[in-house]
Amino acid sequence: MTLYRNLNGDSNVVSYEASEDSIVVVFRSGRYSHYLYDFSRPGKVVVERMKALAIQGHGLNSYISSVVKDNFAKKW
């Protein structure tokens, strides 16, 4: 896992792990901490944007909250 840089200092995202066709995001709070997003759900374009935001360390939590919402492949 890569620690999320959290440049604004107020993100619920703790870390992430990106692969070729998916990203796992670990959140600080909530019933489940790990969420898998992949090319099947929510889709390639969204996952690639999430990967870019994760690398930037800014905007990932907001993007998930406003665009992706509950469109994930798996949570645990």
N, C-alpha and C. Protein backbone atom coordinates (compact mmCIF):
# COMPACT_ATOMS: atom_id res chain seq x y z
N MET A 1 0.85 -1.19 0.00
CA MET A 1 0.00 0.00 0.00
C MET A 1 0.88 1.24 0.00
N THR A 2 0.39 2.26 -0.68
CA THR A 2 1.06 3.55 -0.71
C THR A 2 0.26 4.52 0.15
N LEU A 3 0.93 5.21 1.05
CA LEU A 3 0.24 6.21 1.86
C LEU A 3 -0.23 7.35 0.98
N TYR A 4 -1.46 7.76 1.20
CA TYR A 4 -2.04 8.89 0.46
C TYR A 4 -1.46 10.17 1.06
N ARG A 5 -0.92 11.05 0.22
CA ARG A 5 -0.23 12.25 0.71
C ARG A 5 -1.16 13.24 1.39
N ASN A 6 -2.44 13.27 1.05
CA ASN A 6 -3.42 14.12 1.72
C ASN A 6 -2.94 15.56 1.85
N LEU A 7 -2.68 16.20 0.73
CA LEU A 7 -2.11 17.54 0.71
C LEU A 7 -2.99 18.59 1.37
N ASN A 8 -4.30 18.38 1.40
CA ASN A 8 -5.20 19.32 2.08
C ASN A 8 -5.29 19.05 3.58
N GLY A 9 -4.92 17.85 3.99
CA GLY A 9 -4.92 17.50 5.40
C GLY A 9 -6.26 17.09 5.97
N ASP A 10 -7.29 16.96 5.13
CA ASP A 10 -8.62 16.64 5.66
C ASP A 10 -9.28 15.46 4.97
N SER A 11 -8.50 14.61 4.32
CA SER A 11 -9.07 13.48 3.58
C SER A 11 -9.34 12.29 4.48
N ASN A 12 -10.35 11.53 4.15
CA ASN A 12 -10.66 10.28 4.81
C ASN A 12 -9.85 9.12 4.21
N VAL A 13 -9.13 9.38 3.12
CA VAL A 13 -8.31 8.36 2.47
C VAL A 13 -6.98 8.24 3.22
N VAL A 14 -6.60 7.01 3.56
CA VAL A 14 -5.35 6.75 4.27
C VAL A 14 -4.27 6.26 3.31
N SER A 15 -4.65 5.29 2.47
CA SER A 15 -3.68 4.70 1.54
C SER A 15 -4.42 4.11 0.35
N TYR A 16 -3.62 3.66 -0.62
CA TYR A 16 -4.19 3.07 -1.83
C TYR A 16 -3.19 2.11 -2.44
N GLU A 17 -3.70 1.22 -3.27
CA GLU A 17 -2.85 0.32 -4.04
C GLU A 17 -3.44 0.21 -5.44
N ALA A 18 -2.68 0.70 -6.40
CA ALA A 18 -3.13 0.69 -7.79
C ALA A 18 -2.50 -0.47 -8.54
N SER A 19 -3.29 -1.09 -9.39
CA SER A 19 -2.78 -2.11 -10.31
C SER A 19 -3.18 -1.68 -11.71
N GLU A 20 -2.91 -2.51 -12.68
CA GLU A 20 -3.20 -2.15 -14.07
C GLU A 20 -4.67 -1.82 -14.30
N ASP A 21 -5.56 -2.60 -13.68
CA ASP A 21 -6.99 -2.41 -13.96
C ASP A 21 -7.85 -2.13 -12.73
N SER A 22 -7.20 -1.71 -11.63
CA SER A 22 -7.98 -1.45 -10.42
C SER A 22 -7.23 -0.55 -9.45
N ILE A 23 -7.96 -0.14 -8.42
CA ILE A 23 -7.36 0.57 -7.30
C ILE A 23 -8.12 0.17 -6.04
N VAL A 24 -7.37 -0.13 -4.99
CA VAL A 24 -7.95 -0.37 -3.67
C VAL A 24 -7.68 0.89 -2.86
N VAL A 25 -8.71 1.42 -2.25
CA VAL A 25 -8.58 2.62 -1.42
C VAL A 25 -8.92 2.24 0.02
N VAL A 26 -8.07 2.66 0.94
CA VAL A 26 -8.29 2.41 2.36
C VAL A 26 -8.71 3.73 3.01
N PHE A 27 -9.85 3.67 3.70
CA PHE A 27 -10.41 4.86 4.35
C PHE A 27 -10.17 4.82 5.85
N ARG A 28 -10.08 5.98 6.45
CA ARG A 28 -9.84 6.14 7.88
C ARG A 28 -11.06 5.74 8.70
N SER A 29 -12.25 6.08 8.25
CA SER A 29 -13.45 5.81 9.02
C SER A 29 -14.52 5.17 8.14
N GLY A 30 -15.52 4.62 8.79
CA GLY A 30 -16.60 3.94 8.09
C GLY A 30 -16.65 2.49 8.51
N ARG A 31 -17.76 1.84 8.23
CA ARG A 31 -17.92 0.43 8.63
C ARG A 31 -16.88 -0.46 7.97
N TYR A 32 -16.61 -0.22 6.71
CA TYR A 32 -15.58 -0.96 5.97
C TYR A 32 -14.44 0.00 5.66
N SER A 33 -13.23 -0.50 5.67
CA SER A 33 -12.09 0.38 5.41
C SER A 33 -11.52 0.21 4.00
N HIS A 34 -11.62 -0.95 3.41
CA HIS A 34 -11.04 -1.23 2.09
C HIS A 34 -12.12 -1.31 1.02
N TYR A 35 -11.89 -0.60 -0.07
CA TYR A 35 -12.82 -0.60 -1.20
C TYR A 35 -12.04 -0.85 -2.48
N LEU A 36 -12.52 -1.78 -3.29
CA LEU A 36 -11.94 -2.10 -4.58
C LEU A 36 -12.76 -1.44 -5.68
N TYR A 37 -12.09 -0.72 -6.54
CA TYR A 37 -12.70 -0.11 -7.73
C TYR A 37 -11.94 -0.68 -8.91
N ASP A 38 -12.66 -1.23 -9.90
CA ASP A 38 -11.97 -1.81 -11.04
C ASP A 38 -12.65 -1.45 -12.36
N PHE A 39 -12.09 -1.98 -13.44
CA PHE A 39 -12.59 -1.64 -14.77
C PHE A 39 -14.03 -2.10 -14.99
N SER A 40 -14.48 -3.12 -14.26
CA SER A 40 -15.87 -3.55 -14.41
C SER A 40 -16.81 -2.64 -13.62
N ARG A 41 -16.31 -2.12 -12.48
CA ARG A 41 -17.11 -1.25 -11.63
C ARG A 41 -16.22 -0.34 -10.84
N PRO A 42 -16.16 0.88 -11.08
CA PRO A 42 -17.05 1.77 -11.81
C PRO A 42 -16.66 2.02 -13.26
N GLY A 43 -15.61 1.37 -13.76
CA GLY A 43 -15.23 1.53 -15.16
C GLY A 43 -13.83 2.11 -15.32
N LYS A 44 -13.27 1.90 -16.49
CA LYS A 44 -11.88 2.28 -16.77
C LYS A 44 -11.63 3.78 -16.61
N VAL A 45 -12.49 4.61 -17.17
CA VAL A 45 -12.27 6.06 -17.12
C VAL A 45 -12.24 6.55 -15.68
N VAL A 46 -13.17 6.09 -14.88
CA VAL A 46 -13.25 6.52 -13.48
C VAL A 46 -12.04 6.01 -12.69
N VAL A 47 -11.67 4.75 -12.88
CA VAL A 47 -10.53 4.17 -12.16
C VAL A 47 -9.24 4.90 -12.53
N GLU A 48 -9.06 5.20 -13.80
CA GLU A 48 -7.84 5.91 -14.21
C GLU A 48 -7.79 7.31 -13.59
N ARG A 49 -8.92 7.97 -13.48
CA ARG A 49 -8.97 9.28 -12.81
C ARG A 49 -8.65 9.14 -11.32
N MET A 50 -9.17 8.10 -10.70
CA MET A 50 -8.88 7.85 -9.30
C MET A 50 -7.39 7.59 -9.08
N LYS A 51 -6.77 6.85 -9.97
CA LYS A 51 -5.34 6.58 -9.86
C LYS A 51 -4.54 7.88 -9.97
N ALA A 52 -4.93 8.74 -10.90
CA ALA A 52 -4.23 10.02 -11.07
C ALA A 52 -4.38 10.89 -9.82
N LEU A 53 -5.57 10.95 -9.26
CA LEU A 53 -5.79 11.74 -8.05
C LEU A 53 -5.02 11.15 -6.87
N ALA A 54 -4.95 9.84 -6.78
CA ALA A 54 -4.19 9.19 -5.71
C ALA A 54 -2.72 9.58 -5.79
N ILE A 55 -2.17 9.56 -6.97
CA ILE A 55 -0.76 9.93 -7.16
C ILE A 55 -0.55 11.40 -6.81
N GLN A 56 -1.49 12.26 -7.18
CA GLN A 56 -1.38 13.69 -6.87
C GLN A 56 -1.48 13.96 -5.37
N GLY A 57 -2.18 13.08 -4.64
CA GLY A 57 -2.37 13.27 -3.22
C GLY A 57 -3.39 14.33 -2.87
N HIS A 58 -4.29 14.57 -3.81
CA HIS A 58 -5.27 15.64 -3.61
C HIS A 58 -6.54 15.34 -4.40
N GLY A 59 -7.71 15.40 -3.74
CA GLY A 59 -8.98 15.30 -4.46
C GLY A 59 -9.61 13.93 -4.57
N LEU A 60 -8.93 12.89 -4.10
CA LEU A 60 -9.47 11.54 -4.28
C LEU A 60 -10.74 11.32 -3.47
N ASN A 61 -10.74 11.70 -2.22
CA ASN A 61 -11.92 11.51 -1.38
C ASN A 61 -13.12 12.27 -1.93
N SER A 62 -12.90 13.51 -2.36
CA SER A 62 -13.99 14.32 -2.93
C SER A 62 -14.54 13.70 -4.21
N TYR A 63 -13.64 13.19 -5.05
CA TYR A 63 -14.06 12.55 -6.30
C TYR A 63 -14.91 11.31 -6.01
N ILE A 64 -14.47 10.50 -5.05
CA ILE A 64 -15.23 9.31 -4.70
C ILE A 64 -16.60 9.72 -4.15
N SER A 65 -16.64 10.71 -3.27
CA SER A 65 -17.89 11.15 -2.65
C SER A 65 -18.87 11.74 -3.65
N SER A 66 -18.36 12.49 -4.63
CA SER A 66 -19.25 13.20 -5.54
C SER A 66 -19.53 12.48 -6.85
N VAL A 67 -18.61 11.66 -7.32
CA VAL A 67 -18.77 11.01 -8.63
C VAL A 67 -18.97 9.50 -8.50
N VAL A 68 -18.09 8.85 -7.80
CA VAL A 68 -18.09 7.38 -7.74
C VAL A 68 -19.19 6.86 -6.81
N LYS A 69 -19.32 7.48 -5.66
CA LYS A 69 -20.33 7.13 -4.65
C LYS A 69 -20.26 5.65 -4.30
N ASP A 70 -21.34 4.91 -4.44
CA ASP A 70 -21.39 3.48 -4.07
C ASP A 70 -21.06 2.55 -5.23
N ASN A 71 -20.46 3.05 -6.26
CA ASN A 71 -20.16 2.25 -7.44
C ASN A 71 -18.77 1.61 -7.31
N PHE A 72 -18.66 0.62 -6.43
CA PHE A 72 -17.41 -0.08 -6.20
C PHE A 72 -17.61 -1.56 -6.49
N ALA A 73 -16.50 -2.28 -6.67
CA ALA A 73 -16.59 -3.71 -6.99
C ALA A 73 -16.69 -4.57 -5.74
N LYS A 74 -16.03 -4.14 -4.64
CA LYS A 74 -15.99 -4.95 -3.43
C LYS A 74 -15.58 -4.07 -2.26
N LYS A 75 -16.04 -4.43 -1.05
CA LYS A 75 -15.61 -3.74 0.16
C LYS A 75 -15.40 -4.77 1.25
N TRP A 76 -14.44 -4.47 2.13
CA TRP A 76 -14.15 -5.37 3.25
C TRP A 76 -13.49 -4.62 4.38
